[in-house]
mmCIF file of all heavy atoms, coordinates in Angstrom:
data_MODEL
# 
_entry.id   MODEL 
# 
loop_
_atom_site.group_PDB 
_atom_site.id 
_atom_site.type_symbol 
_atom_site.label_atom_id 
_atom_site.label_alt_id 
_atom_site.label_comp_id 
_atom_site.label_asym_id 
_atom_site.label_entity_id 
_atom_site.label_seq_id 
_atom_site.pdbx_PDB_ins_code 
_atom_site.Cartn_x 
_atom_site.Cartn_y 
_atom_site.Cartn_z 
_atom_site.occupancy 
_atom_site.B_iso_or_equiv 
_atom_site.pdbx_formal_charge 
_atom_site.auth_seq_id 
_atom_site.auth_comp_id 
_atom_site.auth_asym_id 
_atom_site.auth_atom_id 
_atom_site.pdbx_PDB_model_num 
ATOM 1   N N   . GLY A 1 1  ? 0.194   4.309  -0.510  1.00 0.00 ? 1  GLY A N   1 
ATOM 2   C CA  . GLY A 1 1  ? 0.182   3.132  -1.379  1.00 0.00 ? 1  GLY A CA  1 
ATOM 3   C C   . GLY A 1 1  ? -0.167  3.506  -2.808  1.00 0.00 ? 1  GLY A C   1 
ATOM 4   O O   . GLY A 1 1  ? 0.502   3.090  -3.761  1.00 0.00 ? 1  GLY A O   1 
ATOM 5   N N   . TYR A 1 2  ? -1.176  4.323  -2.954  1.00 0.00 ? 2  TYR A N   1 
ATOM 6   C CA  . TYR A 1 2  ? -1.600  4.769  -4.282  1.00 0.00 ? 2  TYR A CA  1 
ATOM 7   C C   . TYR A 1 2  ? -0.487  5.562  -4.972  1.00 0.00 ? 2  TYR A C   1 
ATOM 8   O O   . TYR A 1 2  ? -0.176  5.329  -6.148  1.00 0.00 ? 2  TYR A O   1 
ATOM 9   C CB  . TYR A 1 2  ? -2.867  5.623  -4.146  1.00 0.00 ? 2  TYR A CB  1 
ATOM 10  C CG  . TYR A 1 2  ? -3.291  6.272  -5.429  1.00 0.00 ? 2  TYR A CG  1 
ATOM 11  C CD1 . TYR A 1 2  ? -3.949  5.552  -6.409  1.00 0.00 ? 2  TYR A CD1 1 
ATOM 12  C CD2 . TYR A 1 2  ? -3.024  7.620  -5.666  1.00 0.00 ? 2  TYR A CD2 1 
ATOM 13  C CE1 . TYR A 1 2  ? -4.329  6.147  -7.604  1.00 0.00 ? 2  TYR A CE1 1 
ATOM 14  C CE2 . TYR A 1 2  ? -3.402  8.225  -6.848  1.00 0.00 ? 2  TYR A CE2 1 
ATOM 15  C CZ  . TYR A 1 2  ? -4.059  7.481  -7.817  1.00 0.00 ? 2  TYR A CZ  1 
ATOM 16  O OH  . TYR A 1 2  ? -4.421  8.076  -8.992  1.00 0.00 ? 2  TYR A OH  1 
ATOM 17  N N   . LEU A 1 3  ? 0.111   6.489  -4.239  1.00 0.00 ? 3  LEU A N   1 
ATOM 18  C CA  . LEU A 1 3  ? 1.185   7.296  -4.822  1.00 0.00 ? 3  LEU A CA  1 
ATOM 19  C C   . LEU A 1 3  ? 2.395   6.437  -5.181  1.00 0.00 ? 3  LEU A C   1 
ATOM 20  O O   . LEU A 1 3  ? 3.047   6.667  -6.205  1.00 0.00 ? 3  LEU A O   1 
ATOM 21  C CB  . LEU A 1 3  ? 1.590   8.416  -3.859  1.00 0.00 ? 3  LEU A CB  1 
ATOM 22  C CG  . LEU A 1 3  ? 0.540   9.505  -3.657  1.00 0.00 ? 3  LEU A CG  1 
ATOM 23  C CD1 . LEU A 1 3  ? 0.927   10.399 -2.486  1.00 0.00 ? 3  LEU A CD1 1 
ATOM 24  C CD2 . LEU A 1 3  ? 0.342   10.317 -4.925  1.00 0.00 ? 3  LEU A CD2 1 
ATOM 25  N N   . SER A 1 4  ? 2.685   5.444  -4.357  1.00 0.00 ? 4  SER A N   1 
ATOM 26  C CA  . SER A 1 4  ? 3.801   4.538  -4.649  1.00 0.00 ? 4  SER A CA  1 
ATOM 27  C C   . SER A 1 4  ? 3.540   3.760  -5.922  1.00 0.00 ? 4  SER A C   1 
ATOM 28  O O   . SER A 1 4  ? 4.436   3.611  -6.767  1.00 0.00 ? 4  SER A O   1 
ATOM 29  C CB  . SER A 1 4  ? 4.015   3.568  -3.483  1.00 0.00 ? 4  SER A CB  1 
ATOM 30  O OG  . SER A 1 4  ? 4.364   4.262  -2.309  1.00 0.00 ? 4  SER A OG  1 
ATOM 31  N N   . LEU A 1 5  ? 2.320   3.274  -6.070  1.00 0.00 ? 5  LEU A N   1 
ATOM 32  C CA  . LEU A 1 5  ? 1.989   2.510  -7.277  1.00 0.00 ? 5  LEU A CA  1 
ATOM 33  C C   . LEU A 1 5  ? 2.037   3.400  -8.513  1.00 0.00 ? 5  LEU A C   1 
ATOM 34  O O   . LEU A 1 5  ? 2.553   2.992  -9.560  1.00 0.00 ? 5  LEU A O   1 
ATOM 35  C CB  . LEU A 1 5  ? 0.624   1.839  -7.132  1.00 0.00 ? 5  LEU A CB  1 
ATOM 36  C CG  . LEU A 1 5  ? 0.276   0.820  -8.214  1.00 0.00 ? 5  LEU A CG  1 
ATOM 37  C CD1 . LEU A 1 5  ? 1.322   -0.285 -8.287  1.00 0.00 ? 5  LEU A CD1 1 
ATOM 38  C CD2 . LEU A 1 5  ? -1.098  0.221  -7.963  1.00 0.00 ? 5  LEU A CD2 1 
ATOM 39  N N   . ARG A 1 6  ? 1.544   4.606  -8.390  1.00 0.00 ? 6  ARG A N   1 
ATOM 40  C CA  . ARG A 1 6  ? 1.619   5.548  -9.525  1.00 0.00 ? 6  ARG A CA  1 
ATOM 41  C C   . ARG A 1 6  ? 3.058   5.827  -9.922  1.00 0.00 ? 6  ARG A C   1 
ATOM 42  O O   . ARG A 1 6  ? 3.354   6.068  -11.084 1.00 0.00 ? 6  ARG A O   1 
ATOM 43  C CB  . ARG A 1 6  ? 0.916   6.861  -9.190  1.00 0.00 ? 6  ARG A CB  1 
ATOM 44  C CG  . ARG A 1 6  ? -0.578  6.694  -9.201  1.00 0.00 ? 6  ARG A CG  1 
ATOM 45  C CD  . ARG A 1 6  ? -1.345  7.858  -9.622  1.00 0.00 ? 6  ARG A CD  1 
ATOM 46  N NE  . ARG A 1 6  ? -0.750  8.645  -10.685 1.00 0.00 ? 6  ARG A NE  1 
ATOM 47  C CZ  . ARG A 1 6  ? -1.193  9.806  -11.072 1.00 0.00 ? 6  ARG A CZ  1 
ATOM 48  N NH1 . ARG A 1 6  ? -2.237  10.319 -10.486 1.00 0.00 ? 6  ARG A NH1 1 
ATOM 49  N NH2 . ARG A 1 6  ? -0.619  10.468 -12.028 1.00 0.00 ? 6  ARG A NH2 1 
ATOM 50  N N   . ALA A 1 7  ? 3.954   5.784  -8.945  1.00 0.00 ? 7  ALA A N   1 
ATOM 51  C CA  . ALA A 1 7  ? 5.378   6.008  -9.219  1.00 0.00 ? 7  ALA A CA  1 
ATOM 52  C C   . ALA A 1 7  ? 6.068   4.728  -9.698  1.00 0.00 ? 7  ALA A C   1 
ATOM 53  O O   . ALA A 1 7  ? 7.255   4.746  -9.980  1.00 0.00 ? 7  ALA A O   1 
ATOM 54  C CB  . ALA A 1 7  ? 6.068   6.533  -7.962  1.00 0.00 ? 7  ALA A CB  1 
ATOM 55  N N   . GLY A 1 8  ? 5.312   3.637  -9.778  1.00 0.00 ? 8  GLY A N   1 
ATOM 56  C CA  . GLY A 1 8  ? 5.862   2.377  -10.280 1.00 0.00 ? 8  GLY A CA  1 
ATOM 57  C C   . GLY A 1 8  ? 6.496   1.496  -9.224  1.00 0.00 ? 8  GLY A C   1 
ATOM 58  O O   . GLY A 1 8  ? 7.120   0.495  -9.544  1.00 0.00 ? 8  GLY A O   1 
ATOM 59  N N   . ASP A 1 9  ? 6.324   1.845  -7.955  1.00 0.00 ? 9  ASP A N   1 
ATOM 60  C CA  . ASP A 1 9  ? 6.914   1.055  -6.875  1.00 0.00 ? 9  ASP A CA  1 
ATOM 61  C C   . ASP A 1 9  ? 5.837   0.176  -6.244  1.00 0.00 ? 9  ASP A C   1 
ATOM 62  O O   . ASP A 1 9  ? 5.264   0.516  -5.213  1.00 0.00 ? 9  ASP A O   1 
ATOM 63  C CB  . ASP A 1 9  ? 7.549   1.980  -5.839  1.00 0.00 ? 9  ASP A CB  1 
ATOM 64  C CG  . ASP A 1 9  ? 8.409   1.252  -4.826  1.00 0.00 ? 9  ASP A CG  1 
ATOM 65  O OD1 . ASP A 1 9  ? 8.295   0.006  -4.718  1.00 0.00 ? 9  ASP A OD1 1 
ATOM 66  O OD2 . ASP A 1 9  ? 9.195   1.925  -4.132  1.00 0.00 ? 9  ASP A OD2 1 
ATOM 67  N N   . ASP A 1 10 ? 5.570   -0.971 -6.872  1.00 0.00 ? 10 ASP A N   1 
ATOM 68  C CA  . ASP A 1 10 ? 4.493   -1.828 -6.390  1.00 0.00 ? 10 ASP A CA  1 
ATOM 69  C C   . ASP A 1 10 ? 4.822   -2.486 -5.052  1.00 0.00 ? 10 ASP A C   1 
ATOM 70  O O   . ASP A 1 10 ? 3.927   -2.774 -4.263  1.00 0.00 ? 10 ASP A O   1 
ATOM 71  C CB  . ASP A 1 10 ? 4.100   -2.864 -7.444  1.00 0.00 ? 10 ASP A CB  1 
ATOM 72  C CG  . ASP A 1 10 ? 5.201   -3.844 -7.787  1.00 0.00 ? 10 ASP A CG  1 
ATOM 73  O OD1 . ASP A 1 10 ? 6.363   -3.421 -7.942  1.00 0.00 ? 10 ASP A OD1 1 
ATOM 74  O OD2 . ASP A 1 10 ? 4.888   -5.038 -7.907  1.00 0.00 ? 10 ASP A OD2 1 
ATOM 75  N N   . ARG A 1 11 ? 6.088   -2.687 -4.751  1.00 0.00 ? 11 ARG A N   1 
ATOM 76  C CA  . ARG A 1 11 ? 6.454   -3.274 -3.459  1.00 0.00 ? 11 ARG A CA  1 
ATOM 77  C C   . ARG A 1 11 ? 6.145   -2.308 -2.316  1.00 0.00 ? 11 ARG A C   1 
ATOM 78  O O   . ARG A 1 11 ? 5.637   -2.706 -1.265  1.00 0.00 ? 11 ARG A O   1 
ATOM 79  C CB  . ARG A 1 11 ? 7.924   -3.675 -3.456  1.00 0.00 ? 11 ARG A CB  1 
ATOM 80  C CG  . ARG A 1 11 ? 8.174   -4.855 -4.408  1.00 0.00 ? 11 ARG A CG  1 
ATOM 81  C CD  . ARG A 1 11 ? 9.627   -5.186 -4.567  1.00 0.00 ? 11 ARG A CD  1 
ATOM 82  N NE  . ARG A 1 11 ? 10.131  -5.760 -3.316  1.00 0.00 ? 11 ARG A NE  1 
ATOM 83  C CZ  . ARG A 1 11 ? 11.403  -5.987 -3.088  1.00 0.00 ? 11 ARG A CZ  1 
ATOM 84  N NH1 . ARG A 1 11 ? 12.310  -5.695 -3.997  1.00 0.00 ? 11 ARG A NH1 1 
ATOM 85  N NH2 . ARG A 1 11 ? 11.792  -6.510 -1.945  1.00 0.00 ? 11 ARG A NH2 1 
ATOM 86  N N   . LYS A 1 12 ? 6.443   -1.049 -2.533  1.00 0.00 ? 12 LYS A N   1 
ATOM 87  C CA  . LYS A 1 12 ? 6.134   -0.041 -1.515  1.00 0.00 ? 12 LYS A CA  1 
ATOM 88  C C   . LYS A 1 12 ? 4.613   0.130  -1.378  1.00 0.00 ? 12 LYS A C   1 
ATOM 89  O O   . LYS A 1 12 ? 4.094   0.284  -0.274  1.00 0.00 ? 12 LYS A O   1 
ATOM 90  C CB  . LYS A 1 12 ? 6.797   1.288  -1.872  1.00 0.00 ? 12 LYS A CB  1 
ATOM 91  C CG  . LYS A 1 12 ? 6.833   2.285  -0.754  1.00 0.00 ? 12 LYS A CG  1 
ATOM 92  C CD  . LYS A 1 12 ? 7.707   3.469  -1.131  1.00 0.00 ? 12 LYS A CD  1 
ATOM 93  C CE  . LYS A 1 12 ? 7.947   4.378  0.041   1.00 0.00 ? 12 LYS A CE  1 
ATOM 94  N NZ  . LYS A 1 12 ? 8.805   5.503  -0.327  1.00 0.00 ? 12 LYS A NZ  1 
ATOM 95  N N   . ALA A 1 13 ? 3.920   0.084  -2.512  1.00 0.00 ? 13 ALA A N   1 
ATOM 96  C CA  . ALA A 1 13 ? 2.459   0.167  -2.473  1.00 0.00 ? 13 ALA A CA  1 
ATOM 97  C C   . ALA A 1 13 ? 1.890   -0.982 -1.651  1.00 0.00 ? 13 ALA A C   1 
ATOM 98  O O   . ALA A 1 13 ? 1.014   -0.778 -0.800  1.00 0.00 ? 13 ALA A O   1 
ATOM 99  C CB  . ALA A 1 13 ? 1.888   0.148  -3.890  1.00 0.00 ? 13 ALA A CB  1 
ATOM 100 N N   . GLU A 1 14 ? 2.396   -2.179 -1.897  1.00 0.00 ? 14 GLU A N   1 
ATOM 101 C CA  . GLU A 1 14 ? 1.916   -3.337 -1.137  1.00 0.00 ? 14 GLU A CA  1 
ATOM 102 C C   . GLU A 1 14 ? 2.169   -3.153 0.360   1.00 0.00 ? 14 GLU A C   1 
ATOM 103 O O   . GLU A 1 14 ? 1.310   -3.459 1.191   1.00 0.00 ? 14 GLU A O   1 
ATOM 104 C CB  . GLU A 1 14 ? 2.587   -4.620 -1.614  1.00 0.00 ? 14 GLU A CB  1 
ATOM 105 C CG  . GLU A 1 14 ? 2.111   -5.839 -0.854  1.00 0.00 ? 14 GLU A CG  1 
ATOM 106 C CD  . GLU A 1 14 ? 2.707   -7.141 -1.332  1.00 0.00 ? 14 GLU A CD  1 
ATOM 107 O OE1 . GLU A 1 14 ? 3.552   -7.138 -2.259  1.00 0.00 ? 14 GLU A OE1 1 
ATOM 108 O OE2 . GLU A 1 14 ? 2.318   -8.185 -0.786  1.00 0.00 ? 14 GLU A OE2 1 
ATOM 109 N N   . TYR A 1 15 ? 3.340   -2.652 0.700   1.00 0.00 ? 15 TYR A N   1 
ATOM 110 C CA  . TYR A 1 15 ? 3.666   -2.398 2.106   1.00 0.00 ? 15 TYR A CA  1 
ATOM 111 C C   . TYR A 1 15 ? 2.603   -1.502 2.748   1.00 0.00 ? 15 TYR A C   1 
ATOM 112 O O   . TYR A 1 15 ? 2.061   -1.820 3.816   1.00 0.00 ? 15 TYR A O   1 
ATOM 113 C CB  . TYR A 1 15 ? 5.052   -1.743 2.211   1.00 0.00 ? 15 TYR A CB  1 
ATOM 114 C CG  . TYR A 1 15 ? 5.328   -1.176 3.580   1.00 0.00 ? 15 TYR A CG  1 
ATOM 115 C CD1 . TYR A 1 15 ? 5.769   -2.000 4.612   1.00 0.00 ? 15 TYR A CD1 1 
ATOM 116 C CD2 . TYR A 1 15 ? 5.130   0.178  3.846   1.00 0.00 ? 15 TYR A CD2 1 
ATOM 117 C CE1 . TYR A 1 15 ? 6.005   -1.479 5.877   1.00 0.00 ? 15 TYR A CE1 1 
ATOM 118 C CE2 . TYR A 1 15 ? 5.370   0.701  5.107   1.00 0.00 ? 15 TYR A CE2 1 
ATOM 119 C CZ  . TYR A 1 15 ? 5.803   -0.130 6.122   1.00 0.00 ? 15 TYR A CZ  1 
ATOM 120 O OH  . TYR A 1 15 ? 6.028   0.387  7.368   1.00 0.00 ? 15 TYR A OH  1 
ATOM 121 N N   . TRP A 1 16 ? 2.293   -0.379 2.084   1.00 0.00 ? 16 TRP A N   1 
ATOM 122 C CA  . TRP A 1 16 ? 1.331   0.564  2.670   1.00 0.00 ? 16 TRP A CA  1 
ATOM 123 C C   . TRP A 1 16 ? -0.072  -0.007 2.719   1.00 0.00 ? 16 TRP A C   1 
ATOM 124 O O   . TRP A 1 16 ? -0.794  0.181  3.709   1.00 0.00 ? 16 TRP A O   1 
ATOM 125 C CB  . TRP A 1 16 ? 1.363   1.901  1.919   1.00 0.00 ? 16 TRP A CB  1 
ATOM 126 C CG  . TRP A 1 16 ? 2.584   2.682  2.241   1.00 0.00 ? 16 TRP A CG  1 
ATOM 127 C CD1 . TRP A 1 16 ? 3.600   3.030  1.399   1.00 0.00 ? 16 TRP A CD1 1 
ATOM 128 C CD2 . TRP A 1 16 ? 2.948   3.222  3.520   1.00 0.00 ? 16 TRP A CD2 1 
ATOM 129 N NE1 . TRP A 1 16 ? 4.565   3.737  2.066   1.00 0.00 ? 16 TRP A NE1 1 
ATOM 130 C CE2 . TRP A 1 16 ? 4.186   3.870  3.370   1.00 0.00 ? 16 TRP A CE2 1 
ATOM 131 C CE3 . TRP A 1 16 ? 2.347   3.217  4.769   1.00 0.00 ? 16 TRP A CE3 1 
ATOM 132 C CZ2 . TRP A 1 16 ? 4.834   4.510  4.430   1.00 0.00 ? 16 TRP A CZ2 1 
ATOM 133 C CZ3 . TRP A 1 16 ? 2.992   3.855  5.829   1.00 0.00 ? 16 TRP A CZ3 1 
ATOM 134 C CH2 . TRP A 1 16 ? 4.211   4.489  5.648   1.00 0.00 ? 16 TRP A CH2 1 
ATOM 135 N N   . TYR A 1 17 ? -0.486  -0.712 1.673   1.00 0.00 ? 17 TYR A N   1 
ATOM 136 C CA  . TYR A 1 17 ? -1.834  -1.297 1.687   1.00 0.00 ? 17 TYR A CA  1 
ATOM 137 C C   . TYR A 1 17 ? -1.959  -2.358 2.774   1.00 0.00 ? 17 TYR A C   1 
ATOM 138 O O   . TYR A 1 17 ? -2.953  -2.410 3.492   1.00 0.00 ? 17 TYR A O   1 
ATOM 139 C CB  . TYR A 1 17 ? -2.190  -1.897 0.330   1.00 0.00 ? 17 TYR A CB  1 
ATOM 140 C CG  . TYR A 1 17 ? -2.333  -0.880 -0.779  1.00 0.00 ? 17 TYR A CG  1 
ATOM 141 C CD1 . TYR A 1 17 ? -2.009  -1.218 -2.090  1.00 0.00 ? 17 TYR A CD1 1 
ATOM 142 C CD2 . TYR A 1 17 ? -2.781  0.414  -0.545  1.00 0.00 ? 17 TYR A CD2 1 
ATOM 143 C CE1 . TYR A 1 17 ? -2.137  -0.298 -3.124  1.00 0.00 ? 17 TYR A CE1 1 
ATOM 144 C CE2 . TYR A 1 17 ? -2.901  1.336  -1.567  1.00 0.00 ? 17 TYR A CE2 1 
ATOM 145 C CZ  . TYR A 1 17 ? -2.587  0.968  -2.850  1.00 0.00 ? 17 TYR A CZ  1 
ATOM 146 O OH  . TYR A 1 17 ? -2.712  1.878  -3.867  1.00 0.00 ? 17 TYR A OH  1 
ATOM 147 N N   . ARG A 1 18 ? -0.956  -3.207 2.903   1.00 0.00 ? 18 ARG A N   1 
ATOM 148 C CA  . ARG A 1 18 ? -1.013  -4.250 3.937   1.00 0.00 ? 18 ARG A CA  1 
ATOM 149 C C   . ARG A 1 18 ? -1.007  -3.631 5.344   1.00 0.00 ? 18 ARG A C   1 
ATOM 150 O O   . ARG A 1 18 ? -1.710  -4.114 6.233   1.00 0.00 ? 18 ARG A O   1 
ATOM 151 C CB  . ARG A 1 18 ? 0.130   -5.233 3.779   1.00 0.00 ? 18 ARG A CB  1 
ATOM 152 C CG  . ARG A 1 18 ? -0.059  -6.155 2.599   1.00 0.00 ? 18 ARG A CG  1 
ATOM 153 C CD  . ARG A 1 18 ? 0.884   -7.342 2.644   1.00 0.00 ? 18 ARG A CD  1 
ATOM 154 N NE  . ARG A 1 18 ? 0.759   -8.164 1.476   1.00 0.00 ? 18 ARG A NE  1 
ATOM 155 C CZ  . ARG A 1 18 ? -0.178  -9.096 1.295   1.00 0.00 ? 18 ARG A CZ  1 
ATOM 156 N NH1 . ARG A 1 18 ? -1.093  -9.294 2.228   1.00 0.00 ? 18 ARG A NH1 1 
ATOM 157 N NH2 . ARG A 1 18 ? -0.202  -9.816 0.190   1.00 0.00 ? 18 ARG A NH2 1 
ATOM 158 N N   . LYS A 1 19 ? -0.238  -2.597 5.516   1.00 0.00 ? 19 LYS A N   1 
ATOM 159 C CA  . LYS A 1 19 ? -0.196  -1.908 6.816   1.00 0.00 ? 19 LYS A CA  1 
ATOM 160 C C   . LYS A 1 19 ? -1.569  -1.301 7.131   1.00 0.00 ? 19 LYS A C   1 
ATOM 161 O O   . LYS A 1 19 ? -2.067  -1.421 8.251   1.00 0.00 ? 19 LYS A O   1 
ATOM 162 C CB  . LYS A 1 19 ? 0.896   -0.840 6.786   1.00 0.00 ? 19 LYS A CB  1 
ATOM 163 C CG  . LYS A 1 19 ? 1.186   -0.230 8.121   1.00 0.00 ? 19 LYS A CG  1 
ATOM 164 C CD  . LYS A 1 19 ? 2.460   0.595  8.080   1.00 0.00 ? 19 LYS A CD  1 
ATOM 165 C CE  . LYS A 1 19 ? 2.653   1.281  9.394   1.00 0.00 ? 19 LYS A CE  1 
ATOM 166 N NZ  . LYS A 1 19 ? 3.916   1.038  10.007  1.00 0.00 ? 19 LYS A NZ  1 
ATOM 167 N N   . ALA A 1 20 ? -2.173  -0.657 6.146   1.00 0.00 ? 20 ALA A N   1 
ATOM 168 C CA  . ALA A 1 20 ? -3.500  -0.066 6.331   1.00 0.00 ? 20 ALA A CA  1 
ATOM 169 C C   . ALA A 1 20 ? -4.536  -1.140 6.658   1.00 0.00 ? 20 ALA A C   1 
ATOM 170 O O   . ALA A 1 20 ? -5.348  -0.982 7.577   1.00 0.00 ? 20 ALA A O   1 
ATOM 171 C CB  . ALA A 1 20 ? -3.908  0.709  5.077   1.00 0.00 ? 20 ALA A CB  1 
ATOM 172 N N   . LEU A 1 21 ? -4.498  -2.245 5.911   1.00 0.00 ? 21 LEU A N   1 
ATOM 173 C CA  . LEU A 1 21 ? -5.491  -3.298 6.112   1.00 0.00 ? 21 LEU A CA  1 
ATOM 174 C C   . LEU A 1 21 ? -5.280  -4.057 7.419   1.00 0.00 ? 21 LEU A C   1 
ATOM 175 O O   . LEU A 1 21 ? -6.235  -4.598 7.983   1.00 0.00 ? 21 LEU A O   1 
ATOM 176 C CB  . LEU A 1 21 ? -5.492  -4.251 4.916   1.00 0.00 ? 21 LEU A CB  1 
ATOM 177 C CG  . LEU A 1 21 ? -6.053  -3.624 3.638   1.00 0.00 ? 21 LEU A CG  1 
ATOM 178 C CD1 . LEU A 1 21 ? -5.754  -4.495 2.430   1.00 0.00 ? 21 LEU A CD1 1 
ATOM 179 C CD2 . LEU A 1 21 ? -7.550  -3.363 3.780   1.00 0.00 ? 21 LEU A CD2 1 
ATOM 180 N N   . ALA A 1 22 ? -4.050  -4.091 7.911   1.00 0.00 ? 22 ALA A N   1 
ATOM 181 C CA  . ALA A 1 22 ? -3.810  -4.711 9.209   1.00 0.00 ? 22 ALA A CA  1 
ATOM 182 C C   . ALA A 1 22 ? -4.502  -3.909 10.312  1.00 0.00 ? 22 ALA A C   1 
ATOM 183 O O   . ALA A 1 22 ? -4.997  -4.480 11.288  1.00 0.00 ? 22 ALA A O   1 
ATOM 184 C CB  . ALA A 1 22 ? -2.312  -4.807 9.475   1.00 0.00 ? 22 ALA A CB  1 
ATOM 185 N N   . LEU A 1 23 ? -4.549  -2.594 10.143  1.00 0.00 ? 23 LEU A N   1 
ATOM 186 C CA  . LEU A 1 23 ? -5.203  -1.732 11.126  1.00 0.00 ? 23 LEU A CA  1 
ATOM 187 C C   . LEU A 1 23 ? -6.718  -1.691 10.937  1.00 0.00 ? 23 LEU A C   1 
ATOM 188 O O   . LEU A 1 23 ? -7.470  -1.646 11.909  1.00 0.00 ? 23 LEU A O   1 
ATOM 189 C CB  . LEU A 1 23 ? -4.643  -0.314 11.040  1.00 0.00 ? 23 LEU A CB  1 
ATOM 190 C CG  . LEU A 1 23 ? -3.203  -0.160 11.515  1.00 0.00 ? 23 LEU A CG  1 
ATOM 191 C CD1 . LEU A 1 23 ? -2.657  1.208  11.117  1.00 0.00 ? 23 LEU A CD1 1 
ATOM 192 C CD2 . LEU A 1 23 ? -3.128  -0.342 13.025  1.00 0.00 ? 23 LEU A CD2 1 
ATOM 193 N N   . GLU A 1 24 ? -7.151  -1.658 9.685   1.00 0.00 ? 24 GLU A N   1 
ATOM 194 C CA  . GLU A 1 24 ? -8.589  -1.566 9.367   1.00 0.00 ? 24 GLU A CA  1 
ATOM 195 C C   . GLU A 1 24 ? -8.916  -2.541 8.239   1.00 0.00 ? 24 GLU A C   1 
ATOM 196 O O   . GLU A 1 24 ? -8.974  -2.158 7.071   1.00 0.00 ? 24 GLU A O   1 
ATOM 197 C CB  . GLU A 1 24 ? -8.954  -0.148 8.928   1.00 0.00 ? 24 GLU A CB  1 
ATOM 198 C CG  . GLU A 1 24 ? -8.975  0.866  10.035  1.00 0.00 ? 24 GLU A CG  1 
ATOM 199 C CD  . GLU A 1 24 ? -9.425  2.243  9.556   1.00 0.00 ? 24 GLU A CD  1 
ATOM 200 O OE1 . GLU A 1 24 ? -10.122 2.353  8.500   1.00 0.00 ? 24 GLU A OE1 1 
ATOM 201 O OE2 . GLU A 1 24 ? -9.063  3.223  10.216  1.00 0.00 ? 24 GLU A OE2 1 
ATOM 202 N N   . PRO A 1 25 ? -9.142  -3.812 8.575   1.00 0.00 ? 25 PRO A N   1 
ATOM 203 C CA  . PRO A 1 25 ? -9.396  -4.824 7.537   1.00 0.00 ? 25 PRO A CA  1 
ATOM 204 C C   . PRO A 1 25 ? -10.606 -4.520 6.651   1.00 0.00 ? 25 PRO A C   1 
ATOM 205 O O   . PRO A 1 25 ? -10.666 -4.980 5.514   1.00 0.00 ? 25 PRO A O   1 
ATOM 206 C CB  . PRO A 1 25 ? -9.620  -6.107 8.328   1.00 0.00 ? 25 PRO A CB  1 
ATOM 207 C CG  . PRO A 1 25 ? -9.073  -5.847 9.680   1.00 0.00 ? 25 PRO A CG  1 
ATOM 208 C CD  . PRO A 1 25 ? -9.118  -4.367 9.900   1.00 0.00 ? 25 PRO A CD  1 
ATOM 209 N N   . ASP A 1 26 ? -11.550 -3.744 7.158   1.00 0.00 ? 26 ASP A N   1 
ATOM 210 C CA  . ASP A 1 26 ? -12.751 -3.435 6.386   1.00 0.00 ? 26 ASP A CA  1 
ATOM 211 C C   . ASP A 1 26 ? -12.691 -2.076 5.699   1.00 0.00 ? 26 ASP A C   1 
ATOM 212 O O   . ASP A 1 26 ? -13.714 -1.573 5.234   1.00 0.00 ? 26 ASP A O   1 
ATOM 213 C CB  . ASP A 1 26 ? -13.994 -3.503 7.288   1.00 0.00 ? 26 ASP A CB  1 
ATOM 214 C CG  . ASP A 1 26 ? -14.308 -4.923 7.713   1.00 0.00 ? 26 ASP A CG  1 
ATOM 215 O OD1 . ASP A 1 26 ? -13.844 -5.867 7.045   1.00 0.00 ? 26 ASP A OD1 1 
ATOM 216 O OD2 . ASP A 1 26 ? -15.011 -5.089 8.727   1.00 0.00 ? 26 ASP A OD2 1 
# 
């Protein structure tokens, strides 16, 4: 997610962050 955002792909970043948080909300 971080690397995607650094590359300017905020949609891909959101995908990875949401996937991570679905597994570990905390």
